[in-house]
Amino acid sequence: MQETQPKEWQKFTKLYPSHAAAKFLERVASQLNKVDPNAADGTLRTFGTLGVLRHTIKDRGARFKLCQFEPEHDLNPDTLRMY
């Protein structure tokens, strides 16, 4: 996260200055453990392995993408670089 999303990581480290990496892993584990395969609500679909990969991890204003899908075109060089 520090290399791929430095701006968001800076926000996160301001929130948790002494133990940011541990807090990040706790947040990811928390999202992974809250799975509901029959969830009809869109917010509940952000949990579990697929939810975490398809959506962002959010914590007090910091947002992290754990997966970058291949862009359909090369019009945005930043998106292509992130892939």
PDB file of N, CA and C in Angstrom:
ATOM      1  N   MET A   1       0.818  -1.184   0.000  1.00  0.00           N
ATOM      2  CA  MET A   1       0.000   0.000   0.000  1.00  0.00           C
ATOM      3  C   MET A   1       0.869   1.258   0.000  1.00  0.00           C
ATOM      4  N   GLN A   2       1.988   1.173   0.682  1.00  0.00           N
ATOM      5  CA  GLN A   2       2.866   2.339   0.769  1.00  0.00           C
ATOM      6  C   GLN A   2       3.401   2.747  -0.599  1.00  0.00           C
ATOM      7  N   GLU A   3       3.675   1.774  -1.456  1.00  0.00           N
ATOM      8  CA  GLU A   3       4.229   2.061  -2.778  1.00  0.00           C
ATOM      9  C   GLU A   3       3.149   2.340  -3.817  1.00  0.00           C
ATOM     10  N   THR A   4       2.048   1.605  -3.764  1.00  0.00           N
ATOM     11  CA  THR A   4       1.039   1.731  -4.813  1.00  0.00           C
ATOM     12  C   THR A   4       0.028   2.842  -4.551  1.00  0.00           C
ATOM     13  N   GLN A   5      -0.209   3.173  -3.282  1.00  0.00           N
ATOM     14  CA  GLN A   5      -1.199   4.194  -2.933  1.00  0.00           C
ATOM     15  C   GLN A   5      -0.643   5.092  -1.817  1.00  0.00           C
ATOM     16  N   PRO A   6       0.431   5.832  -2.116  1.00  0.00           N
ATOM     17  CA  PRO A   6       1.117   6.596  -1.073  1.00  0.00           C
ATOM     18  C   PRO A   6       0.268   7.693  -0.421  1.00  0.00           C
ATOM     19  N   LYS A   7      -0.607   8.356  -1.179  1.00  0.00           N
ATOM     20  CA  LYS A   7      -1.437   9.414  -0.590  1.00  0.00           C
ATOM     21  C   LYS A   7      -2.400   8.850   0.450  1.00  0.00           C
ATOM     22  N   GLU A   8      -3.030   7.740   0.106  1.00  0.00           N
ATOM     23  CA  GLU A   8      -3.962   7.117   1.050  1.00  0.00           C
ATOM     24  C   GLU A   8      -3.213   6.565   2.264  1.00  0.00           C
ATOM     25  N   TRP A   9      -2.020   6.027   2.029  1.00  0.00           N
ATOM     26  CA  TRP A   9      -1.235   5.487   3.141  1.00  0.00           C
ATOM     27  C   TRP A   9      -0.838   6.614   4.097  1.00  0.00           C
ATOM     28  N   GLN A  10      -0.527   7.785   3.573  1.00  0.00           N
ATOM     29  CA  GLN A  10      -0.198   8.926   4.441  1.00  0.00           C
ATOM     30  C   GLN A  10      -1.388   9.306   5.312  1.00  0.00           C
ATOM     31  N   LYS A  11      -2.581   9.325   4.717  1.00  0.00           N
ATOM     32  CA  LYS A  11      -3.790   9.593   5.508  1.00  0.00           C
ATOM     33  C   LYS A  11      -3.932   8.572   6.628  1.00  0.00           C
ATOM     34  N   PHE A  12      -3.720   7.315   6.276  1.00  0.00           N
ATOM     35  CA  PHE A  12      -3.889   6.219   7.221  1.00  0.00           C
ATOM     36  C   PHE A  12      -2.864   6.303   8.346  1.00  0.00           C
ATOM     37  N   THR A  13      -1.620   6.622   8.023  1.00  0.00           N
ATOM     38  CA  THR A  13      -0.585   6.696   9.052  1.00  0.00           C
ATOM     39  C   THR A  13      -0.792   7.892   9.988  1.00  0.00           C
ATOM     40  N   LYS A  14      -1.478   8.916   9.517  1.00  0.00           N
ATOM     41  CA  LYS A  14      -1.818  10.024  10.417  1.00  0.00           C
ATOM     42  C   LYS A  14      -2.862   9.586  11.440  1.00  0.00           C
ATOM     43  N   LEU A  15      -3.741   8.677  11.029  1.00  0.00           N
ATOM     44  CA  LEU A  15      -4.755   8.160  11.944  1.00  0.00           C
ATOM     45  C   LEU A  15      -4.159   7.190  12.955  1.00  0.00           C
ATOM     46  N   TYR A  16      -3.215   6.388  12.514  1.00  0.00           N
ATOM     47  CA  TYR A  16      -2.585   5.364  13.359  1.00  0.00           C
ATOM     48  C   TYR A  16      -1.065   5.496  13.255  1.00  0.00           C
ATOM     49  N   PRO A  17      -0.474   6.509  13.871  1.00  0.00           N
ATOM     50  CA  PRO A  17       0.949   6.781  13.671  1.00  0.00           C
ATOM     51  C   PRO A  17       1.908   5.702  14.192  1.00  0.00           C
ATOM     52  N   SER A  18       1.568   5.020  15.245  1.00  0.00           N
ATOM     53  CA  SER A  18       2.531   4.083  15.827  1.00  0.00           C
ATOM     54  C   SER A  18       2.394   2.651  15.306  1.00  0.00           C
ATOM     55  N   HIS A  19       1.253   2.293  14.763  1.00  0.00           N
ATOM     56  CA  HIS A  19       1.049   0.913  14.343  1.00  0.00           C
ATOM     57  C   HIS A  19       0.107   0.825  13.130  1.00  0.00           C
ATOM     58  N   ALA A  20       0.427   1.558  12.076  1.00  0.00           N
ATOM     59  CA  ALA A  20      -0.441   1.629  10.894  1.00  0.00           C
ATOM     60  C   ALA A  20      -0.543   0.280  10.176  1.00  0.00           C
ATOM     61  N   ALA A  21       0.560  -0.418  10.025  1.00  0.00           N
ATOM     62  CA  ALA A  21       0.535  -1.689   9.294  1.00  0.00           C
ATOM     63  C   ALA A  21      -0.352  -2.712   9.999  1.00  0.00           C
ATOM     64  N   ALA A  22      -0.234  -2.787  11.311  1.00  0.00           N
ATOM     65  CA  ALA A  22      -1.060  -3.734  12.074  1.00  0.00           C
ATOM     66  C   ALA A  22      -2.535  -3.366  11.974  1.00  0.00           C
ATOM     67  N   LYS A  23      -2.857  -2.087  12.066  1.00  0.00           N
ATOM     68  CA  LYS A  23      -4.252  -1.642  11.953  1.00  0.00           C
ATOM     69  C   LYS A  23      -4.813  -1.934  10.562  1.00  0.00           C
ATOM     70  N   PHE A  24      -3.977  -1.769   9.540  1.00  0.00           N
ATOM     71  CA  PHE A  24      -4.431  -2.058   8.186  1.00  0.00           C
ATOM     72  C   PHE A  24      -4.772  -3.538   8.042  1.00  0.00           C
ATOM     73  N   LEU A  25      -3.909  -4.387   8.525  1.00  0.00           N
ATOM     74  CA  LEU A  25      -4.165  -5.832   8.446  1.00  0.00           C
ATOM     75  C   LEU A  25      -5.402  -6.222   9.247  1.00  0.00           C
ATOM     76  N   GLU A  26      -5.619  -5.580  10.387  1.00  0.00           N
ATOM     77  CA  GLU A  26      -6.835  -5.834  11.171  1.00  0.00           C
ATOM     78  C   GLU A  26      -8.074  -5.455  10.375  1.00  0.00           C
ATOM     79  N   ARG A  27      -8.000  -4.322   9.670  1.00  0.00           N
ATOM     80  CA  ARG A  27      -9.143  -3.849   8.878  1.00  0.00           C
ATOM     81  C   ARG A  27      -9.449  -4.812   7.729  1.00  0.00           C
ATOM     82  N   VAL A  28      -8.414  -5.273   7.050  1.00  0.00           N
ATOM     83  CA  VAL A  28      -8.602  -6.235   5.967  1.00  0.00           C
ATOM     84  C   VAL A  28      -9.202  -7.530   6.505  1.00  0.00           C
ATOM     85  N   ALA A  29      -8.658  -8.036   7.602  1.00  0.00           N
ATOM     86  CA  ALA A  29      -9.173  -9.272   8.204  1.00  0.00           C
ATOM     87  C   ALA A  29     -10.626  -9.105   8.625  1.00  0.00           C
ATOM     88  N   SER A  30     -10.963  -7.946   9.153  1.00  0.00           N
ATOM     89  CA  SER A  30     -12.338  -7.670   9.565  1.00  0.00           C
ATOM     90  C   SER A  30     -13.281  -7.730   8.365  1.00  0.00           C
ATOM     91  N   GLN A  31     -12.889  -7.131   7.250  1.00  0.00           N
ATOM     92  CA  GLN A  31     -13.717  -7.152   6.039  1.00  0.00           C
ATOM     93  C   GLN A  31     -13.850  -8.567   5.488  1.00  0.00           C
ATOM     94  N   LEU A  32     -12.772  -9.327   5.544  1.00  0.00           N
ATOM     95  CA  LEU A  32     -12.803 -10.697   5.030  1.00  0.00           C
ATOM     96  C   LEU A  32     -13.711 -11.595   5.860  1.00  0.00           C
ATOM     97  N   ASN A  33     -13.757 -11.373   7.151  1.00  0.00           N
ATOM     98  CA  ASN A  33     -14.528 -12.234   8.047  1.00  0.00           C
ATOM     99  C   ASN A  33     -16.027 -11.941   8.045  1.00  0.00           C
ATOM    100  N   LYS A  34     -16.438 -10.787   7.554  1.00  0.00           N
ATOM    101  CA  LYS A  34     -17.860 -10.414   7.565  1.00  0.00           C
ATOM    102  C   LYS A  34     -18.532 -10.799   6.250  1.00  0.00           C
ATOM    103  N   VAL A  35     -18.520 -12.045   5.926  1.00  0.00           N
ATOM    104  CA  VAL A  35     -19.071 -12.483   4.646  1.00  0.00           C
ATOM    105  C   VAL A  35     -20.527 -12.925   4.803  1.00  0.00           C
ATOM    106  N   ASP A  36     -21.348 -12.555   3.832  1.00  0.00           N
ATOM    107  CA  ASP A  36     -22.736 -13.008   3.770  1.00  0.00           C
ATOM    108  C   ASP A  36     -23.028 -13.359   2.308  1.00  0.00           C
ATOM    109  N   PRO A  37     -22.942 -14.614   1.922  1.00  0.00           N
ATOM    110  CA  PRO A  37     -23.111 -14.984   0.512  1.00  0.00           C
ATOM    111  C   PRO A  37     -24.487 -14.664  -0.056  1.00  0.00           C
ATOM    112  N   ASN A  38     -25.486 -14.481   0.794  1.00  0.00           N
ATOM    113  CA  ASN A  38     -26.837 -14.191   0.322  1.00  0.00           C
ATOM    114  C   ASN A  38     -27.211 -12.723   0.481  1.00  0.00           C
ATOM    115  N   ALA A  39     -26.238 -11.878   0.612  1.00  0.00           N
ATOM    116  CA  ALA A  39     -26.496 -10.459   0.861  1.00  0.00           C
ATOM    117  C   ALA A  39     -27.203  -9.815  -0.327  1.00  0.00           C
ATOM    118  N   ALA A  40     -28.314  -9.177  -0.060  1.00  0.00           N
ATOM    119  CA  ALA A  40     -29.043  -8.461  -1.097  1.00  0.00           C
ATOM    120  C   ALA A  40     -28.656  -6.984  -1.103  1.00  0.00           C
ATOM    121  N   ASP A  41     -28.206  -6.491   0.037  1.00  0.00           N
ATOM    122  CA  ASP A  41     -27.819  -5.092   0.179  1.00  0.00           C
ATOM    123  C   ASP A  41     -26.423  -4.882  -0.424  1.00  0.00           C
ATOM    124  N   GLY A  42     -26.241  -3.826  -1.189  1.00  0.00           N
ATOM    125  CA  GLY A  42     -24.960  -3.547  -1.837  1.00  0.00           C
ATOM    126  C   GLY A  42     -23.815  -3.348  -0.876  1.00  0.00           C
ATOM    127  N   THR A  43     -24.073  -2.749   0.275  1.00  0.00           N
ATOM    128  CA  THR A  43     -22.991  -2.536   1.238  1.00  0.00           C
ATOM    129  C   THR A  43     -22.523  -3.842   1.853  1.00  0.00           C
ATOM    130  N   LEU A  44     -23.397  -4.804   1.987  1.00  0.00           N
ATOM    131  CA  LEU A  44     -22.995  -6.089   2.545  1.00  0.00           C
ATOM    132  C   LEU A  44     -22.171  -6.905   1.563  1.00  0.00           C
ATOM    133  N   ARG A  45     -22.261  -6.594   0.280  1.00  0.00           N
ATOM    134  CA  ARG A  45     -21.476  -7.318  -0.716  1.00  0.00           C
ATOM    135  C   ARG A  45     -20.020  -6.873  -0.751  1.00  0.00           C
ATOM    136  N   THR A  46     -19.648  -5.891   0.052  1.00  0.00           N
ATOM    137  CA  THR A  46     -18.257  -5.447   0.108  1.00  0.00           C
ATOM    138  C   THR A  46     -17.435  -6.306   1.056  1.00  0.00           C
ATOM    139  N   PHE A  47     -18.062  -7.270   1.712  1.00  0.00           N
ATOM    140  CA  PHE A  47     -17.361  -8.141   2.641  1.00  0.00           C
ATOM    141  C   PHE A  47     -16.967  -9.443   1.971  1.00  0.00           C
ATOM    142  N   GLY A  48     -16.105 -10.209   2.611  1.00  0.00           N
ATOM    143  CA  GLY A  48     -15.643 -11.471   2.056  1.00  0.00           C
ATOM    144  C   GLY A  48     -14.546 -11.242   1.032  1.00  0.00           C
ATOM    145  N   THR A  49     -13.983 -12.309   0.535  1.00  0.00           N
ATOM    146  CA  THR A  49     -12.844 -12.203  -0.374  1.00  0.00           C
ATOM    147  C   THR A  49     -13.182 -11.436  -1.646  1.00  0.00           C
ATOM    148  N   LEU A  50     -14.257 -11.809  -2.322  1.00  0.00           N
ATOM    149  CA  LEU A  50     -14.615 -11.112  -3.565  1.00  0.00           C
ATOM    150  C   LEU A  50     -14.993  -9.660  -3.315  1.00  0.00           C
ATOM    151  N   GLY A  51     -15.700  -9.416  -2.235  1.00  0.00           N
ATOM    152  CA  GLY A  51     -16.077  -8.046  -1.910  1.00  0.00           C
ATOM    153  C   GLY A  51     -14.873  -7.164  -1.656  1.00  0.00           C
ATOM    154  N   VAL A  52     -13.902  -7.698  -0.946  1.00  0.00           N
ATOM    155  CA  VAL A  52     -12.690  -6.931  -0.651  1.00  0.00           C
ATOM    156  C   VAL A  52     -11.909  -6.658  -1.930  1.00  0.00           C
ATOM    157  N   LEU A  53     -11.852  -7.629  -2.824  1.00  0.00           N
ATOM    158  CA  LEU A  53     -11.110  -7.423  -4.067  1.00  0.00           C
ATOM    159  C   LEU A  53     -11.833  -6.494  -5.035  1.00  0.00           C
ATOM    160  N   ARG A  54     -13.156  -6.554  -5.075  1.00  0.00           N
ATOM    161  CA  ARG A  54     -13.914  -5.730  -6.020  1.00  0.00           C
ATOM    162  C   ARG A  54     -14.105  -4.302  -5.536  1.00  0.00           C
ATOM    163  N   HIS A  55     -14.135  -4.109  -4.241  1.00  0.00           N
ATOM    164  CA  HIS A  55     -14.411  -2.789  -3.675  1.00  0.00           C
ATOM    165  C   HIS A  55     -13.198  -2.297  -2.899  1.00  0.00           C
ATOM    166  N   THR A  56     -13.321  -1.173  -2.276  1.00  0.00           N
ATOM    167  CA  THR A  56     -12.205  -0.607  -1.528  1.00  0.00           C
ATOM    168  C   THR A  56     -12.301  -0.952  -0.049  1.00  0.00           C
ATOM    169  N   ILE A  57     -11.158  -0.890   0.613  1.00  0.00           N
ATOM    170  CA  ILE A  57     -11.107  -0.968   2.073  1.00  0.00           C
ATOM    171  C   ILE A  57     -11.159   0.472   2.560  1.00  0.00           C
ATOM    172  N   LYS A  58     -12.106   0.788   3.413  1.00  0.00           N
ATOM    173  CA  LYS A  58     -12.273   2.154   3.905  1.00  0.00           C
ATOM    174  C   LYS A  58     -12.059   2.187   5.407  1.00  0.00           C
ATOM    175  N   ASP A  59     -11.351   3.214   5.852  1.00  0.00           N
ATOM    176  CA  ASP A  59     -11.150   3.414   7.282  1.00  0.00           C
ATOM    177  C   ASP A  59     -10.935   4.894   7.542  1.00  0.00           C
ATOM    178  N   ARG A  60     -11.938   5.541   8.108  1.00  0.00           N
ATOM    179  CA  ARG A  60     -11.867   6.951   8.498  1.00  0.00           C
ATOM    180  C   ARG A  60     -11.353   7.867   7.394  1.00  0.00           C
ATOM    181  N   GLY A  61     -11.855   7.705   6.204  1.00  0.00           N
ATOM    182  CA  GLY A  61     -11.498   8.590   5.100  1.00  0.00           C
ATOM    183  C   GLY A  61     -10.396   8.069   4.200  1.00  0.00           C
ATOM    184  N   ALA A  62      -9.669   7.063   4.615  1.00  0.00           N
ATOM    185  CA  ALA A  62      -8.641   6.462   3.762  1.00  0.00           C
ATOM    186  C   ALA A  62      -9.271   5.300   3.005  1.00  0.00           C
ATOM    187  N   ARG A  63      -8.984   5.226   1.707  1.00  0.00           N
ATOM    188  CA  ARG A  63      -9.545   4.167   0.859  1.00  0.00           C
ATOM    189  C   ARG A  63      -8.416   3.463   0.128  1.00  0.00           C
ATOM    190  N   PHE A  64      -8.446   2.135   0.179  1.00  0.00           N
ATOM    191  CA  PHE A  64      -7.409   1.348  -0.479  1.00  0.00           C
ATOM    192  C   PHE A  64      -8.043   0.342  -1.427  1.00  0.00           C
ATOM    193  N   LYS A  65      -7.467   0.250  -2.620  1.00  0.00           N
ATOM    194  CA  LYS A  65      -7.865  -0.775  -3.584  1.00  0.00           C
ATOM    195  C   LYS A  65      -6.875  -1.919  -3.447  1.00  0.00           C
ATOM    196  N   LEU A  66      -7.388  -3.121  -3.262  1.00  0.00           N
ATOM    197  CA  LEU A  66      -6.514  -4.279  -3.160  1.00  0.00           C
ATOM    198  C   LEU A  66      -6.338  -4.986  -4.489  1.00  0.00           C
ATOM    199  N   CYS A  67      -7.130  -4.595  -5.479  1.00  0.00           N
ATOM    200  CA  CYS A  67      -7.060  -5.244  -6.782  1.00  0.00           C
ATOM    201  C   CYS A  67      -7.335  -4.192  -7.855  1.00  0.00           C
ATOM    202  N   GLN A  68      -6.520  -4.189  -8.891  1.00  0.00           N
ATOM    203  CA  GLN A  68      -6.739  -3.290 -10.022  1.00  0.00           C
ATOM    204  C   GLN A  68      -6.980  -4.143 -11.251  1.00  0.00           C
ATOM    205  N   PHE A  69      -8.161  -4.074 -11.800  1.00  0.00           N
ATOM    206  CA  PHE A  69      -8.503  -4.868 -12.968  1.00  0.00           C
ATOM    207  C   PHE A  69      -7.927  -4.231 -14.234  1.00  0.00           C
ATOM    208  N   GLU A  70      -7.767  -5.052 -15.258  1.00  0.00           N
ATOM    209  CA  GLU A  70      -7.209  -4.565 -16.523  1.00  0.00           C
ATOM    210  C   GLU A  70      -8.160  -3.547 -17.144  1.00  0.00           C
ATOM    211  N   PRO A  71      -7.651  -2.374 -17.503  1.00  0.00           N
ATOM    212  CA  PRO A  71      -8.508  -1.365 -18.128  1.00  0.00           C
ATOM    213  C   PRO A  71      -8.952  -1.801 -19.524  1.00  0.00           C
ATOM    214  N   GLU A  72     -10.121  -1.348 -19.918  1.00  0.00           N
ATOM    215  CA  GLU A  72     -10.658  -1.702 -21.237  1.00  0.00           C
ATOM    216  C   GLU A  72      -9.982  -0.923 -22.360  1.00  0.00           C
ATOM    217  N   HIS A  73      -9.341   0.181 -22.022  1.00  0.00           N
ATOM    218  CA  HIS A  73      -8.644   0.999 -23.015  1.00  0.00           C
ATOM    219  C   HIS A  73      -7.424   1.625 -22.348  1.00  0.00           C
ATOM    220  N   ASP A  74      -6.595   2.279 -23.133  1.00  0.00           N
ATOM    221  CA  ASP A  74      -5.383   2.889 -22.591  1.00  0.00           C
ATOM    222  C   ASP A  74      -5.450   4.421 -22.589  1.00  0.00           C
ATOM    223  N   LEU A  75      -6.637   4.968 -22.485  1.00  0.00           N
ATOM    224  CA  LEU A  75      -6.810   6.421 -22.504  1.00  0.00           C
ATOM    225  C   LEU A  75      -6.320   7.084 -21.221  1.00  0.00           C
ATOM    226  N   ASN A  76      -6.384   6.365 -20.116  1.00  0.00           N
ATOM    227  CA  ASN A  76      -5.926   6.921 -18.850  1.00  0.00           C
ATOM    228  C   ASN A  76      -4.626   6.219 -18.454  1.00  0.00           C
ATOM    229  N   PRO A  77      -3.470   6.879 -18.614  1.00  0.00           N
ATOM    230  CA  PRO A  77      -2.203   6.214 -18.322  1.00  0.00           C
ATOM    231  C   PRO A  77      -2.040   5.833 -16.835  1.00  0.00           C
ATOM    232  N   ASP A  78      -2.667   6.582 -15.941  1.00  0.00           N
ATOM    233  CA  ASP A  78      -2.577   6.249 -14.507  1.00  0.00           C
ATOM    234  C   ASP A  78      -3.248   4.915 -14.202  1.00  0.00           C
ATOM    235  N   THR A  79      -4.415   4.698 -14.782  1.00  0.00           N
ATOM    236  CA  THR A  79      -5.128   3.434 -14.574  1.00  0.00           C
ATOM    237  C   THR A  79      -4.330   2.277 -15.172  1.00  0.00           C
ATOM    238  N   LEU A  80      -3.764   2.494 -16.328  1.00  0.00           N
ATOM    239  CA  LEU A  80      -2.960   1.462 -16.962  1.00  0.00           C
ATOM    240  C   LEU A  80      -1.711   1.156 -16.132  1.00  0.00           C
ATOM    241  N   ARG A  81      -1.087   2.167 -15.574  1.00  0.00           N
ATOM    242  CA  ARG A  81       0.097   1.989 -14.722  1.00  0.00           C
ATOM    243  C   ARG A  81      -0.260   1.228 -13.458  1.00  0.00           C
ATOM    244  N   MET A  82      -1.417   1.544 -12.860  1.00  0.00           N
ATOM    245  CA  MET A  82      -1.828   0.877 -11.632  1.00  0.00           C
ATOM    246  C   MET A  82      -2.125  -0.603 -11.880  1.00  0.00           C
ATOM    247  N   TYR A  83      -2.577  -0.919 -13.092  1.00  0.00           N
ATOM    248  CA  TYR A  83      -2.857  -2.314 -13.427  1.00  0.00           C
ATOM    249  C   TYR A  83      -1.556  -3.092 -13.474  1.00  0.00           C
TER     250      TYR A  83
END
